[in-house]
Structure formats: C-alpha cells, structure tokens
Amino acid sequence: MDALIYTMVRAADWRAAEAAGAYTGSADDRRDGFLHFSAAAQLRASAAKHRAGERDLLLVAVDAAACGEALRWEPAAGGSRPGLFPHLYGPLPLSAVRSATPLPLGADGAHVFPPAIP
C-alpha cells in the first residue's frame, strides 16, 4: 500500500490536535469509529465528495507505516467508491505526520492540491 496517506483537516481542529499532541478526528470520524484517510490517487475524489467548497482546510500527509496495526485498508462504506481506503482505528499521533499544508480553493471552487498529488 502507499507509504504516505492523507487526510483533510479543518484548521481549527488541527490547532487543537497540535495542542493535544494527537488528532482524534472530525465528527464524521468519531461517528464512524475511525479516522478517514485517502491514498494520493484518491484525494481529489474524496475532496470533491466530502469537502467540496470547504475553506480553511489543511492537507495532512502521514507516514502509513508509523500508524502501525491501527491502520487498516478497507472498502468505502456501502461500497460507494472502488478501491481500498486507509482507516485509522485510534488517534493519529503527531509523530506520524510528515506535513500539514494549506489546501486552498481555486477560482473554480475546487481544492488546489500540491503538484505531487496526481
């Protein structure tokens, strides 16, 4: 599986995670019982489906191996999207985070990803 996985986090939630030393997820994550991540190739579709038009997001890149056995690659709920998605069953330790960069909206309203994201 991919060496880096990604999640899109509201800036205020990320500041709280930095203060706490770990990210415990969004309301959706807590409802579902795991933190939702995407592989690089899944990010654009995830952003369009779950974060469309949302401002003030950070793209958080995480070392998948550093998550240990709490990370599982599973189908999307209800099989709504093809492929396996990384799900973290537990808090994200900040030591596993490789970067947290702003994820701005472009003029067309879609998120503008770094060049390394396909």
PDB file of N, CA and C in Angstrom:
ATOM      1  N   MET A   1       0.840  -1.182   0.000  1.00  0.00           N
ATOM      2  CA  MET A   1       0.000   0.000   0.000  1.00  0.00           C
ATOM      3  C   MET A   1       0.892   1.255   0.000  1.00  0.00           C
ATOM      4  N   ASP A   2       0.293   2.412  -0.092  1.00  0.00           N
ATOM      5  CA  ASP A   2       1.031   3.668  -0.207  1.00  0.00           C
ATOM      6  C   ASP A   2       1.823   3.982   1.062  1.00  0.00           C
ATOM      7  N   ALA A   3       3.010   4.581   0.875  1.00  0.00           N
ATOM      8  CA  ALA A   3       3.851   4.965   2.011  1.00  0.00           C
ATOM      9  C   ALA A   3       3.263   6.164   2.746  1.00  0.00           C
ATOM     10  N   LEU A   4       2.654   7.087   1.992  1.00  0.00           N
ATOM     11  CA  LEU A   4       2.008   8.253   2.596  1.00  0.00           C
ATOM     12  C   LEU A   4       0.505   8.154   2.379  1.00  0.00           C
ATOM     13  N   ILE A   5      -0.245   8.509   3.408  1.00  0.00           N
ATOM     14  CA  ILE A   5      -1.697   8.625   3.319  1.00  0.00           C
ATOM     15  C   ILE A   5      -2.059  10.040   3.727  1.00  0.00           C
ATOM     16  N   TYR A   6      -3.269  10.465   3.391  1.00  0.00           N
ATOM     17  CA  TYR A   6      -3.649  11.868   3.571  1.00  0.00           C
ATOM     18  C   TYR A   6      -5.031  11.999   4.187  1.00  0.00           C
ATOM     19  N   THR A   7      -5.183  13.087   4.932  1.00  0.00           N
ATOM     20  CA  THR A   7      -6.499  13.470   5.414  1.00  0.00           C
ATOM     21  C   THR A   7      -6.620  14.984   5.286  1.00  0.00           C
ATOM     22  N   MET A   8      -7.844  15.463   5.162  1.00  0.00           N
ATOM     23  CA  MET A   8      -8.118  16.889   5.064  1.00  0.00           C
ATOM     24  C   MET A   8      -8.761  17.317   6.376  1.00  0.00           C
ATOM     25  N   VAL A   9      -8.103  18.239   7.057  1.00  0.00           N
ATOM     26  CA  VAL A   9      -8.494  18.612   8.413  1.00  0.00           C
ATOM     27  C   VAL A   9      -8.796  20.107   8.472  1.00  0.00           C
ATOM     28  N   ARG A  10      -9.876  20.456   9.136  1.00  0.00           N
ATOM     29  CA  ARG A  10     -10.183  21.866   9.360  1.00  0.00           C
ATOM     30  C   ARG A  10      -9.068  22.469  10.212  1.00  0.00           C
ATOM     31  N   ALA A  11      -8.650  23.692   9.854  1.00  0.00           N
ATOM     32  CA  ALA A  11      -7.502  24.323  10.520  1.00  0.00           C
ATOM     33  C   ALA A  11      -7.706  24.417  12.037  1.00  0.00           C
ATOM     34  N   ALA A  12      -8.890  24.756  12.485  1.00  0.00           N
ATOM     35  CA  ALA A  12      -9.149  24.867  13.930  1.00  0.00           C
ATOM     36  C   ALA A  12      -8.984  23.515  14.615  1.00  0.00           C
ATOM     37  N   ASP A  13      -9.432  22.438  13.959  1.00  0.00           N
ATOM     38  CA  ASP A  13      -9.278  21.096  14.519  1.00  0.00           C
ATOM     39  C   ASP A  13      -7.802  20.707  14.583  1.00  0.00           C
ATOM     40  N   TRP A  14      -7.027  21.133  13.579  1.00  0.00           N
ATOM     41  CA  TRP A  14      -5.601  20.799  13.579  1.00  0.00           C
ATOM     42  C   TRP A  14      -4.868  21.543  14.692  1.00  0.00           C
ATOM     43  N   ARG A  15      -5.219  22.799  14.911  1.00  0.00           N
ATOM     44  CA  ARG A  15      -4.600  23.550  16.018  1.00  0.00           C
ATOM     45  C   ARG A  15      -4.891  22.866  17.352  1.00  0.00           C
ATOM     46  N   ALA A  16      -6.109  22.358  17.523  1.00  0.00           N
ATOM     47  CA  ALA A  16      -6.456  21.631  18.751  1.00  0.00           C
ATOM     48  C   ALA A  16      -5.636  20.348  18.860  1.00  0.00           C
ATOM     49  N   ALA A  17      -5.425  19.666  17.737  1.00  0.00           N
ATOM     50  CA  ALA A  17      -4.625  18.431  17.735  1.00  0.00           C
ATOM     51  C   ALA A  17      -3.179  18.730  18.118  1.00  0.00           C
ATOM     52  N   GLU A  18      -2.648  19.813  17.587  1.00  0.00           N
ATOM     53  CA  GLU A  18      -1.272  20.184  17.929  1.00  0.00           C
ATOM     54  C   GLU A  18      -1.137  20.463  19.421  1.00  0.00           C
ATOM     55  N   ALA A  19      -2.125  21.116  19.997  1.00  0.00           N
ATOM     56  CA  ALA A  19      -2.093  21.406  21.430  1.00  0.00           C
ATOM     57  C   ALA A  19      -2.222  20.129  22.257  1.00  0.00           C
ATOM     58  N   ALA A  20      -3.004  19.167  21.765  1.00  0.00           N
ATOM     59  CA  ALA A  20      -3.252  17.923  22.492  1.00  0.00           C
ATOM     60  C   ALA A  20      -2.181  16.857  22.253  1.00  0.00           C
ATOM     61  N   GLY A  21      -1.439  16.988  21.145  1.00  0.00           N
ATOM     62  CA  GLY A  21      -0.411  16.001  20.821  1.00  0.00           C
ATOM     63  C   GLY A  21      -0.892  14.862  19.951  1.00  0.00           C
ATOM     64  N   ALA A  22      -2.169  14.869  19.560  1.00  0.00           N
ATOM     65  CA  ALA A  22      -2.727  13.832  18.683  1.00  0.00           C
ATOM     66  C   ALA A  22      -4.011  14.371  18.068  1.00  0.00           C
ATOM     67  N   TYR A  23      -4.333  13.838  16.892  1.00  0.00           N
ATOM     68  CA  TYR A  23      -5.580  14.196  16.214  1.00  0.00           C
ATOM     69  C   TYR A  23      -6.571  13.061  16.425  1.00  0.00           C
ATOM     70  N   THR A  24      -7.725  13.401  16.982  1.00  0.00           N
ATOM     71  CA  THR A  24      -8.727  12.375  17.283  1.00  0.00           C
ATOM     72  C   THR A  24      -9.863  12.339  16.257  1.00  0.00           C
ATOM     73  N   GLY A  25      -9.788  13.181  15.236  1.00  0.00           N
ATOM     74  CA  GLY A  25     -10.729  13.097  14.134  1.00  0.00           C
ATOM     75  C   GLY A  25     -11.836  14.127  14.150  1.00  0.00           C
ATOM     76  N   SER A  26     -12.543  14.147  13.031  1.00  0.00           N
ATOM     77  CA  SER A  26     -13.695  15.025  12.846  1.00  0.00           C
ATOM     78  C   SER A  26     -14.930  14.369  13.464  1.00  0.00           C
ATOM     79  N   ALA A  27     -16.036  15.072  13.429  1.00  0.00           N
ATOM     80  CA  ALA A  27     -17.300  14.495  13.902  1.00  0.00           C
ATOM     81  C   ALA A  27     -17.643  13.245  13.090  1.00  0.00           C
ATOM     82  N   ASP A  28     -17.377  13.271  11.771  1.00  0.00           N
ATOM     83  CA  ASP A  28     -17.636  12.100  10.927  1.00  0.00           C
ATOM     84  C   ASP A  28     -16.749  10.927  11.348  1.00  0.00           C
ATOM     85  N   ASP A  29     -15.486  11.211  11.632  1.00  0.00           N
ATOM     86  CA  ASP A  29     -14.574  10.153  12.074  1.00  0.00           C
ATOM     87  C   ASP A  29     -15.074   9.520  13.369  1.00  0.00           C
ATOM     88  N   ARG A  30     -15.440  10.358  14.310  1.00  0.00           N
ATOM     89  CA  ARG A  30     -15.901   9.839  15.605  1.00  0.00           C
ATOM     90  C   ARG A  30     -17.190   9.029  15.439  1.00  0.00           C
ATOM     91  N   ARG A  31     -18.072   9.472  14.566  1.00  0.00           N
ATOM     92  CA  ARG A  31     -19.312   8.724  14.291  1.00  0.00           C
ATOM     93  C   ARG A  31     -19.008   7.347  13.713  1.00  0.00           C
ATOM     94  N   ASP A  32     -18.045   7.289  12.798  1.00  0.00           N
ATOM     95  CA  ASP A  32     -17.739   6.040  12.106  1.00  0.00           C
ATOM     96  C   ASP A  32     -16.795   5.127  12.886  1.00  0.00           C
ATOM     97  N   GLY A  33     -16.136   5.656  13.907  1.00  0.00           N
ATOM     98  CA  GLY A  33     -15.258   4.840  14.744  1.00  0.00           C
ATOM     99  C   GLY A  33     -13.832   4.701  14.242  1.00  0.00           C
ATOM    100  N   PHE A  34     -13.463   5.505  13.237  1.00  0.00           N
ATOM    101  CA  PHE A  34     -12.091   5.503  12.721  1.00  0.00           C
ATOM    102  C   PHE A  34     -11.825   6.813  12.004  1.00  0.00           C
ATOM    103  N   LEU A  35     -10.544   7.135  11.817  1.00  0.00           N
ATOM    104  CA  LEU A  35     -10.153   8.322  11.076  1.00  0.00           C
ATOM    105  C   LEU A  35     -10.078   7.962   9.593  1.00  0.00           C
ATOM    106  N   HIS A  36     -10.726   8.776   8.764  1.00  0.00           N
ATOM    107  CA  HIS A  36     -10.755   8.559   7.316  1.00  0.00           C
ATOM    108  C   HIS A  36      -9.502   9.156   6.669  1.00  0.00           C
ATOM    109  N   PHE A  37      -8.841   8.364   5.862  1.00  0.00           N
ATOM    110  CA  PHE A  37      -7.696   8.819   5.085  1.00  0.00           C
ATOM    111  C   PHE A  37      -7.920   8.444   3.632  1.00  0.00           C
ATOM    112  N   SER A  38      -7.060   8.976   2.770  1.00  0.00           N
ATOM    113  CA  SER A  38      -7.065   8.628   1.347  1.00  0.00           C
ATOM    114  C   SER A  38      -5.639   8.416   0.902  1.00  0.00           C
ATOM    115  N   ALA A  39      -5.456   7.560  -0.087  1.00  0.00           N
ATOM    116  CA  ALA A  39      -4.188   7.479  -0.798  1.00  0.00           C
ATOM    117  C   ALA A  39      -4.123   8.696  -1.720  1.00  0.00           C
ATOM    118  N   ALA A  40      -2.952   9.026  -2.216  1.00  0.00           N
ATOM    119  CA  ALA A  40      -2.789  10.202  -3.074  1.00  0.00           C
ATOM    120  C   ALA A  40      -3.742  10.170  -4.261  1.00  0.00           C
ATOM    121  N   ALA A  41      -3.875   9.012  -4.903  1.00  0.00           N
ATOM    122  CA  ALA A  41      -4.724   8.897  -6.089  1.00  0.00           C
ATOM    123  C   ALA A  41      -6.212   9.038  -5.766  1.00  0.00           C
ATOM    124  N   GLN A  42      -6.592   8.941  -4.500  1.00  0.00           N
ATOM    125  CA  GLN A  42      -7.995   9.035  -4.093  1.00  0.00           C
ATOM    126  C   GLN A  42      -8.383  10.427  -3.600  1.00  0.00           C
ATOM    127  N   LEU A  43      -7.390  11.285  -3.392  1.00  0.00           N
ATOM    128  CA  LEU A  43      -7.635  12.569  -2.726  1.00  0.00           C
ATOM    129  C   LEU A  43      -8.613  13.487  -3.443  1.00  0.00           C
ATOM    130  N   ARG A  44      -8.426  13.674  -4.726  1.00  0.00           N
ATOM    131  CA  ARG A  44      -9.289  14.618  -5.454  1.00  0.00           C
ATOM    132  C   ARG A  44     -10.762  14.198  -5.371  1.00  0.00           C
ATOM    133  N   ALA A  45     -11.032  12.920  -5.547  1.00  0.00           N
ATOM    134  CA  ALA A  45     -12.415  12.434  -5.465  1.00  0.00           C
ATOM    135  C   ALA A  45     -12.947  12.569  -4.043  1.00  0.00           C
ATOM    136  N   SER A  46     -12.109  12.301  -3.046  1.00  0.00           N
ATOM    137  CA  SER A  46     -12.542  12.448  -1.648  1.00  0.00           C
ATOM    138  C   SER A  46     -12.866  13.897  -1.330  1.00  0.00           C
ATOM    139  N   ALA A  47     -12.023  14.808  -1.793  1.00  0.00           N
ATOM    140  CA  ALA A  47     -12.261  16.232  -1.548  1.00  0.00           C
ATOM    141  C   ALA A  47     -13.561  16.679  -2.201  1.00  0.00           C
ATOM    142  N   ALA A  48     -13.777  16.254  -3.443  1.00  0.00           N
ATOM    143  CA  ALA A  48     -14.992  16.643  -4.163  1.00  0.00           C
ATOM    144  C   ALA A  48     -16.242  16.091  -3.484  1.00  0.00           C
ATOM    145  N   LYS A  49     -16.153  14.883  -2.947  1.00  0.00           N
ATOM    146  CA  LYS A  49     -17.330  14.250  -2.336  1.00  0.00           C
ATOM    147  C   LYS A  49     -17.590  14.743  -0.912  1.00  0.00           C
ATOM    148  N   HIS A  50     -16.528  14.899  -0.130  1.00  0.00           N
ATOM    149  CA  HIS A  50     -16.710  15.157   1.301  1.00  0.00           C
ATOM    150  C   HIS A  50     -16.354  16.566   1.763  1.00  0.00           C
ATOM    151  N   ARG A  51     -15.587  17.315   0.976  1.00  0.00           N
ATOM    152  CA  ARG A  51     -15.131  18.640   1.412  1.00  0.00           C
ATOM    153  C   ARG A  51     -15.352  19.714   0.353  1.00  0.00           C
ATOM    154  N   ALA A  52     -16.256  19.489  -0.581  1.00  0.00           N
ATOM    155  CA  ALA A  52     -16.486  20.426  -1.685  1.00  0.00           C
ATOM    156  C   ALA A  52     -16.743  21.841  -1.167  1.00  0.00           C
ATOM    157  N   GLY A  53     -15.980  22.785  -1.689  1.00  0.00           N
ATOM    158  CA  GLY A  53     -16.160  24.194  -1.357  1.00  0.00           C
ATOM    159  C   GLY A  53     -15.729  24.588   0.043  1.00  0.00           C
ATOM    160  N   GLU A  54     -15.200  23.665   0.805  1.00  0.00           N
ATOM    161  CA  GLU A  54     -14.842  23.967   2.194  1.00  0.00           C
ATOM    162  C   GLU A  54     -13.505  24.703   2.252  1.00  0.00           C
ATOM    163  N   ARG A  55     -13.529  25.818   2.929  1.00  0.00           N
ATOM    164  CA  ARG A  55     -12.322  26.642   3.104  1.00  0.00           C
ATOM    165  C   ARG A  55     -11.615  26.269   4.393  1.00  0.00           C
ATOM    166  N   ASP A  56     -10.399  26.774   4.522  1.00  0.00           N
ATOM    167  CA  ASP A  56      -9.633  26.667   5.765  1.00  0.00           C
ATOM    168  C   ASP A  56      -9.304  25.216   6.122  1.00  0.00           C
ATOM    169  N   LEU A  57      -8.941  24.446   5.093  1.00  0.00           N
ATOM    170  CA  LEU A  57      -8.523  23.063   5.312  1.00  0.00           C
ATOM    171  C   LEU A  57      -7.005  22.940   5.227  1.00  0.00           C
ATOM    172  N   LEU A  58      -6.494  21.939   5.906  1.00  0.00           N
ATOM    173  CA  LEU A  58      -5.096  21.559   5.779  1.00  0.00           C
ATOM    174  C   LEU A  58      -5.044  20.156   5.194  1.00  0.00           C
ATOM    175  N   LEU A  59      -4.087  19.928   4.321  1.00  0.00           N
ATOM    176  CA  LEU A  59      -3.822  18.593   3.800  1.00  0.00           C
ATOM    177  C   LEU A  59      -2.717  18.006   4.678  1.00  0.00           C
ATOM    178  N   VAL A  60      -3.058  16.957   5.407  1.00  0.00           N
ATOM    179  CA  VAL A  60      -2.133  16.341   6.348  1.00  0.00           C
ATOM    180  C   VAL A  60      -1.611  15.047   5.730  1.00  0.00           C
ATOM    181  N   ALA A  61      -0.284  14.994   5.531  1.00  0.00           N
ATOM    182  CA  ALA A  61       0.380  13.805   4.991  1.00  0.00           C
ATOM    183  C   ALA A  61       0.939  12.995   6.147  1.00  0.00           C
ATOM    184  N   VAL A  62       0.672  11.690   6.132  1.00  0.00           N
ATOM    185  CA  VAL A  62       1.008  10.815   7.254  1.00  0.00           C
ATOM    186  C   VAL A  62       1.809   9.613   6.753  1.00  0.00           C
ATOM    187  N   ASP A  63       2.835   9.259   7.498  1.00  0.00           N
ATOM    188  CA  ASP A  63       3.619   8.053   7.223  1.00  0.00           C
ATOM    189  C   ASP A  63       2.768   6.851   7.625  1.00  0.00           C
ATOM    190  N   ALA A  64       2.300   6.099   6.638  1.00  0.00           N
ATOM    191  CA  ALA A  64       1.389   4.982   6.910  1.00  0.00           C
ATOM    192  C   ALA A  64       2.027   3.956   7.844  1.00  0.00           C
ATOM    193  N   ALA A  65       3.301   3.651   7.660  1.00  0.00           N
ATOM    194  CA  ALA A  65       3.971   2.643   8.487  1.00  0.00           C
ATOM    195  C   ALA A  65       4.013   3.064   9.951  1.00  0.00           C
ATOM    196  N   ALA A  66       4.097   4.362  10.203  1.00  0.00           N
ATOM    197  CA  ALA A  66       4.166   4.866  11.579  1.00  0.00           C
ATOM    198  C   ALA A  66       2.845   4.700  12.327  1.00  0.00           C
ATOM    199  N   CYS A  67       1.786   4.387  11.612  1.00  0.00           N
ATOM    200  CA  CYS A  67       0.472   4.187  12.250  1.00  0.00           C
ATOM    201  C   CYS A  67       0.328   2.782  12.826  1.00  0.00           C
ATOM    202  N   GLY A  68       1.184   1.877  12.411  1.00  0.00           N
ATOM    203  CA  GLY A  68       1.170   0.524  12.954  1.00  0.00           C
ATOM    204  C   GLY A  68      -0.083  -0.253  12.595  1.00  0.00           C
ATOM    205  N   GLU A  69      -0.421  -1.191  13.470  1.00  0.00           N
ATOM    206  CA  GLU A  69      -1.543  -2.096  13.206  1.00  0.00           C
ATOM    207  C   GLU A  69      -2.908  -1.432  13.325  1.00  0.00           C
ATOM    208  N   ALA A  70      -2.951  -0.199  13.843  1.00  0.00           N
ATOM    209  CA  ALA A  70      -4.224   0.515  13.938  1.00  0.00           C
ATOM    210  C   ALA A  70      -4.721   0.962  12.563  1.00  0.00           C
ATOM    211  N   LEU A  71      -3.844   0.931  11.552  1.00  0.00           N
ATOM    212  CA  LEU A  71      -4.205   1.328  10.191  1.00  0.00           C
ATOM    213  C   LEU A  71      -4.661   0.099   9.409  1.00  0.00           C
ATOM    214  N   ARG A  72      -5.855   0.205   8.824  1.00  0.00           N
ATOM    215  CA  ARG A  72      -6.398  -0.884   8.003  1.00  0.00           C
ATOM    216  C   ARG A  72      -6.857  -0.313   6.664  1.00  0.00           C
ATOM    217  N   TRP A  73      -6.640  -1.068   5.609  1.00  0.00           N
ATOM    218  CA  TRP A  73      -7.098  -0.686   4.278  1.00  0.00           C
ATOM    219  C   TRP A  73      -8.403  -1.432   4.018  1.00  0.00           C
ATOM    220  N   GLU A  74      -9.487  -0.661   3.849  1.00  0.00           N
ATOM    221  CA  GLU A  74     -10.826  -1.252   3.770  1.00  0.00           C
ATOM    222  C   GLU A  74     -11.644  -0.588   2.666  1.00  0.00           C
ATOM    223  N   PRO A  75     -12.699  -1.268   2.200  1.00  0.00           N
ATOM    224  CA  PRO A  75     -13.601  -0.654   1.218  1.00  0.00           C
ATOM    225  C   PRO A  75     -14.340   0.534   1.844  1.00  0.00           C
ATOM    226  N   ALA A  76     -14.750   1.466   0.993  1.00  0.00           N
ATOM    227  CA  ALA A  76     -15.579   2.586   1.449  1.00  0.00           C
ATOM    228  C   ALA A  76     -16.909   2.044   1.956  1.00  0.00           C
ATOM    229  N   ALA A  77     -17.520   2.770   2.859  1.00  0.00           N
ATOM    230  CA  ALA A  77     -18.810   2.359   3.418  1.00  0.00           C
ATOM    231  C   ALA A  77     -19.817   2.138   2.296  1.00  0.00           C
ATOM    232  N   GLY A  78     -20.488   1.008   2.342  1.00  0.00           N
ATOM    233  CA  GLY A  78     -21.508   0.702   1.349  1.00  0.00           C
ATOM    234  C   GLY A  78     -20.962   0.447  -0.043  1.00  0.00           C
ATOM    235  N   GLY A  79     -19.624   0.325  -0.151  1.00  0.00           N
ATOM    236  CA  GLY A  79     -19.021   0.102  -1.462  1.00  0.00           C
ATOM    237  C   GLY A  79     -19.242   1.247  -2.418  1.00  0.00           C
ATOM    238  N   SER A  80     -19.389   2.476  -1.871  1.00  0.00           N
ATOM    239  CA  SER A  80     -19.740   3.630  -2.696  1.00  0.00           C
ATOM    240  C   SER A  80     -18.623   4.076  -3.628  1.00  0.00           C
ATOM    241  N   ARG A  81     -17.380   3.681  -3.336  1.00  0.00           N
ATOM    242  CA  ARG A  81     -16.260   4.046  -4.201  1.00  0.00           C
ATOM    243  C   ARG A  81     -15.333   2.845  -4.334  1.00  0.00           C
ATOM    244  N   PRO A  82     -14.762   2.661  -5.517  1.00  0.00           N
ATOM    245  CA  PRO A  82     -13.888   1.495  -5.720  1.00  0.00           C
ATOM    246  C   PRO A  82     -12.561   1.646  -4.982  1.00  0.00           C
ATOM    247  N   GLY A  83     -11.940   0.528  -4.696  1.00  0.00           N
ATOM    248  CA  GLY A  83     -10.632   0.523  -4.068  1.00  0.00           C
ATOM    249  C   GLY A  83     -10.721   0.433  -2.556  1.00  0.00           C
ATOM    250  N   LEU A  84      -9.562   0.295  -1.957  1.00  0.00           N
ATOM    251  CA  LEU A  84      -9.459   0.248  -0.504  1.00  0.00           C
ATOM    252  C   LEU A  84      -8.981   1.593   0.014  1.00  0.00           C
ATOM    253  N   PHE A  85      -9.530   2.001   1.153  1.00  0.00           N
ATOM    254  CA  PHE A  85      -9.184   3.279   1.756  1.00  0.00           C
ATOM    255  C   PHE A  85      -8.515   3.037   3.101  1.00  0.00           C
ATOM    256  N   PRO A  86      -7.529   3.866   3.451  1.00  0.00           N
ATOM    257  CA  PRO A  86      -6.880   3.721   4.750  1.00  0.00           C
ATOM    258  C   PRO A  86      -7.764   4.282   5.859  1.00  0.00           C
ATOM    259  N   HIS A  87      -7.992   3.473   6.881  1.00  0.00           N
ATOM    260  CA  HIS A  87      -8.773   3.862   8.057  1.00  0.00           C
ATOM    261  C   HIS A  87      -7.906   3.641   9.287  1.00  0.00           C
ATOM    262  N   LEU A  88      -7.822   4.640  10.141  1.00  0.00           N
ATOM    263  CA  LEU A  88      -7.010   4.538  11.354  1.00  0.00           C
ATOM    264  C   LEU A  88      -7.931   4.375  12.555  1.00  0.00           C
ATOM    265  N   TYR A  89      -7.793   3.251  13.227  1.00  0.00           N
ATOM    266  CA  TYR A  89      -8.615   2.938  14.403  1.00  0.00           C
ATOM    267  C   TYR A  89      -7.883   3.366  15.666  1.00  0.00           C
ATOM    268  N   GLY A  90      -7.931   4.645  15.917  1.00  0.00           N
ATOM    269  CA  GLY A  90      -7.281   5.234  17.077  1.00  0.00           C
ATOM    270  C   GLY A  90      -6.821   6.631  16.720  1.00  0.00           C
ATOM    271  N   PRO A  91      -6.327   7.375  17.690  1.00  0.00           N
ATOM    272  CA  PRO A  91      -5.871   8.735  17.411  1.00  0.00           C
ATOM    273  C   PRO A  91      -4.621   8.732  16.529  1.00  0.00           C
ATOM    274  N   LEU A  92      -4.458   9.791  15.770  1.00  0.00           N
ATOM    275  CA  LEU A  92      -3.280   9.975  14.930  1.00  0.00           C
ATOM    276  C   LEU A  92      -2.196  10.657  15.756  1.00  0.00           C
ATOM    277  N   PRO A  93      -1.092   9.952  16.035  1.00  0.00           N
ATOM    278  CA  PRO A  93      -0.011  10.604  16.763  1.00  0.00           C
ATOM    279  C   PRO A  93       0.696  11.617  15.856  1.00  0.00           C
ATOM    280  N   LEU A  94       0.987  12.776  16.376  1.00  0.00           N
ATOM    281  CA  LEU A  94       1.623  13.802  15.546  1.00  0.00           C
ATOM    282  C   LEU A  94       2.995  13.365  15.061  1.00  0.00           C
ATOM    283  N   SER A  95       3.610  12.402  15.733  1.00  0.00           N
ATOM    284  CA  SER A  95       4.918  11.891  15.298  1.00  0.00           C
ATOM    285  C   SER A  95       4.830  11.189  13.939  1.00  0.00           C
ATOM    286  N   ALA A  96       3.643  10.758  13.518  1.00  0.00           N
ATOM    287  CA  ALA A  96       3.458  10.101  12.219  1.00  0.00           C
ATOM    288  C   ALA A  96       3.221  11.100  11.095  1.00  0.00           C
ATOM    289  N   VAL A  97       3.003  12.365  11.430  1.00  0.00           N
ATOM    290  CA  VAL A  97       2.681  13.396  10.435  1.00  0.00           C
ATOM    291  C   VAL A  97       3.963  13.896   9.765  1.00  0.00           C
ATOM    292  N   ARG A  98       3.947  13.897   8.443  1.00  0.00           N
ATOM    293  CA  ARG A  98       5.103  14.386   7.677  1.00  0.00           C
ATOM    294  C   ARG A  98       4.922  15.836   7.249  1.00  0.00           C
ATOM    295  N   SER A  99       3.676  16.271   7.050  1.00  0.00           N
ATOM    296  CA  SER A  99       3.425  17.673   6.711  1.00  0.00           C
ATOM    297  C   SER A  99       1.953  17.991   6.912  1.00  0.00           C
ATOM    298  N   ALA A 100       1.693  19.265   7.128  1.00  0.00           N
ATOM    299  CA  ALA A 100       0.324  19.794   7.200  1.00  0.00           C
ATOM    300  C   ALA A 100       0.361  21.122   6.451  1.00  0.00           C
ATOM    301  N   THR A 101      -0.196  21.119   5.235  1.00  0.00           N
ATOM    302  CA  THR A 101      -0.117  22.297   4.377  1.00  0.00           C
ATOM    303  C   THR A 101      -1.511  22.796   4.014  1.00  0.00           C
ATOM    304  N   PRO A 102      -1.650  24.109   3.827  1.00  0.00           N
ATOM    305  CA  PRO A 102      -2.953  24.649   3.443  1.00  0.00           C
ATOM    306  C   PRO A 102      -3.459  24.027   2.148  1.00  0.00           C
ATOM    307  N   LEU A 103      -4.775  23.841   2.091  1.00  0.00           N
ATOM    308  CA  LEU A 103      -5.440  23.283   0.911  1.00  0.00           C
ATOM    309  C   LEU A 103      -6.460  24.320   0.435  1.00  0.00           C
ATOM    310  N   PRO A 104      -5.979  25.292  -0.359  1.00  0.00           N
ATOM    311  CA  PRO A 104      -6.854  26.398  -0.767  1.00  0.00           C
ATOM    312  C   PRO A 104      -7.852  25.979  -1.842  1.00  0.00           C
ATOM    313  N   LEU A 105      -8.834  26.838  -2.019  1.00  0.00           N
ATOM    314  CA  LEU A 105      -9.794  26.683  -3.121  1.00  0.00           C
ATOM    315  C   LEU A 105      -9.317  27.505  -4.307  1.00  0.00           C
ATOM    316  N   GLY A 106      -9.453  26.940  -5.496  1.00  0.00           N
ATOM    317  CA  GLY A 106      -9.124  27.666  -6.706  1.00  0.00           C
ATOM    318  C   GLY A 106     -10.304  28.518  -7.155  1.00  0.00           C
ATOM    319  N   ALA A 107     -10.102  29.266  -8.203  1.00  0.00           N
ATOM    320  CA  ALA A 107     -11.151  30.143  -8.738  1.00  0.00           C
ATOM    321  C   ALA A 107     -12.398  29.364  -9.131  1.00  0.00           C
ATOM    322  N   ASP A 108     -12.221  28.086  -9.494  1.00  0.00           N
ATOM    323  CA  ASP A 108     -13.358  27.254  -9.890  1.00  0.00           C
ATOM    324  C   ASP A 108     -14.066  26.615  -8.699  1.00  0.00           C
ATOM    325  N   GLY A 109     -13.581  26.879  -7.481  1.00  0.00           N
ATOM    326  CA  GLY A 109     -14.202  26.337  -6.281  1.00  0.00           C
ATOM    327  C   GLY A 109     -13.686  24.972  -5.868  1.00  0.00           C
ATOM    328  N   ALA A 110     -12.807  24.380  -6.685  1.00  0.00           N
ATOM    329  CA  ALA A 110     -12.208  23.083  -6.343  1.00  0.00           C
ATOM    330  C   ALA A 110     -10.918  23.311  -5.554  1.00  0.00           C
ATOM    331  N   HIS A 111     -10.560  22.361  -4.732  1.00  0.00           N
ATOM    332  CA  HIS A 111      -9.328  22.475  -3.950  1.00  0.00           C
ATOM    333  C   HIS A 111      -8.111  22.382  -4.875  1.00  0.00           C
ATOM    334  N   VAL A 112      -7.088  23.140  -4.520  1.00  0.00           N
ATOM    335  CA  VAL A 112      -5.844  23.167  -5.279  1.00  0.00           C
ATOM    336  C   VAL A 112      -4.818  22.321  -4.521  1.00  0.00           C
ATOM    337  N   PHE A 113      -4.482  21.160  -5.099  1.00  0.00           N
ATOM    338  CA  PHE A 113      -3.566  20.227  -4.458  1.00  0.00           C
ATOM    339  C   PHE A 113      -2.124  20.512  -4.871  1.00  0.00           C
ATOM    340  N   PRO A 114      -1.186  20.128  -4.030  1.00  0.00           N
ATOM    341  CA  PRO A 114       0.230  20.264  -4.390  1.00  0.00           C
ATOM    342  C   PRO A 114       0.536  19.449  -5.648  1.00  0.00           C
ATOM    343  N   PRO A 115       1.585  19.834  -6.394  1.00  0.00           N
ATOM    344  CA  PRO A 115       1.918  19.125  -7.640  1.00  0.00           C
ATOM    345  C   PRO A 115       2.181  17.634  -7.463  1.00  0.00           C
ATOM    346  N   ALA A 116       2.600  17.201  -6.298  1.00  0.00           N
ATOM    347  CA  ALA A 116       2.912  15.783  -6.080  1.00  0.00           C
ATOM    348  C   ALA A 116       1.661  14.898  -6.028  1.00  0.00           C
ATOM    349  N   ILE A 117       0.490  15.508  -5.902  1.00  0.00           N
ATOM    350  CA  ILE A 117      -0.762  14.750  -5.839  1.00  0.00           C
ATOM    351  C   ILE A 117      -1.303  14.587  -7.250  1.00  0.00           C
ATOM    352  N   PRO A 118      -1.498  13.327  -7.688  1.00  0.00           N
ATOM    353  CA  PRO A 118      -1.985  13.107  -9.071  1.00  0.00           C
ATOM    354  C   PRO A 118      -3.391  13.630  -9.295  1.00  0.00           C
TER     355      PRO A 118
END
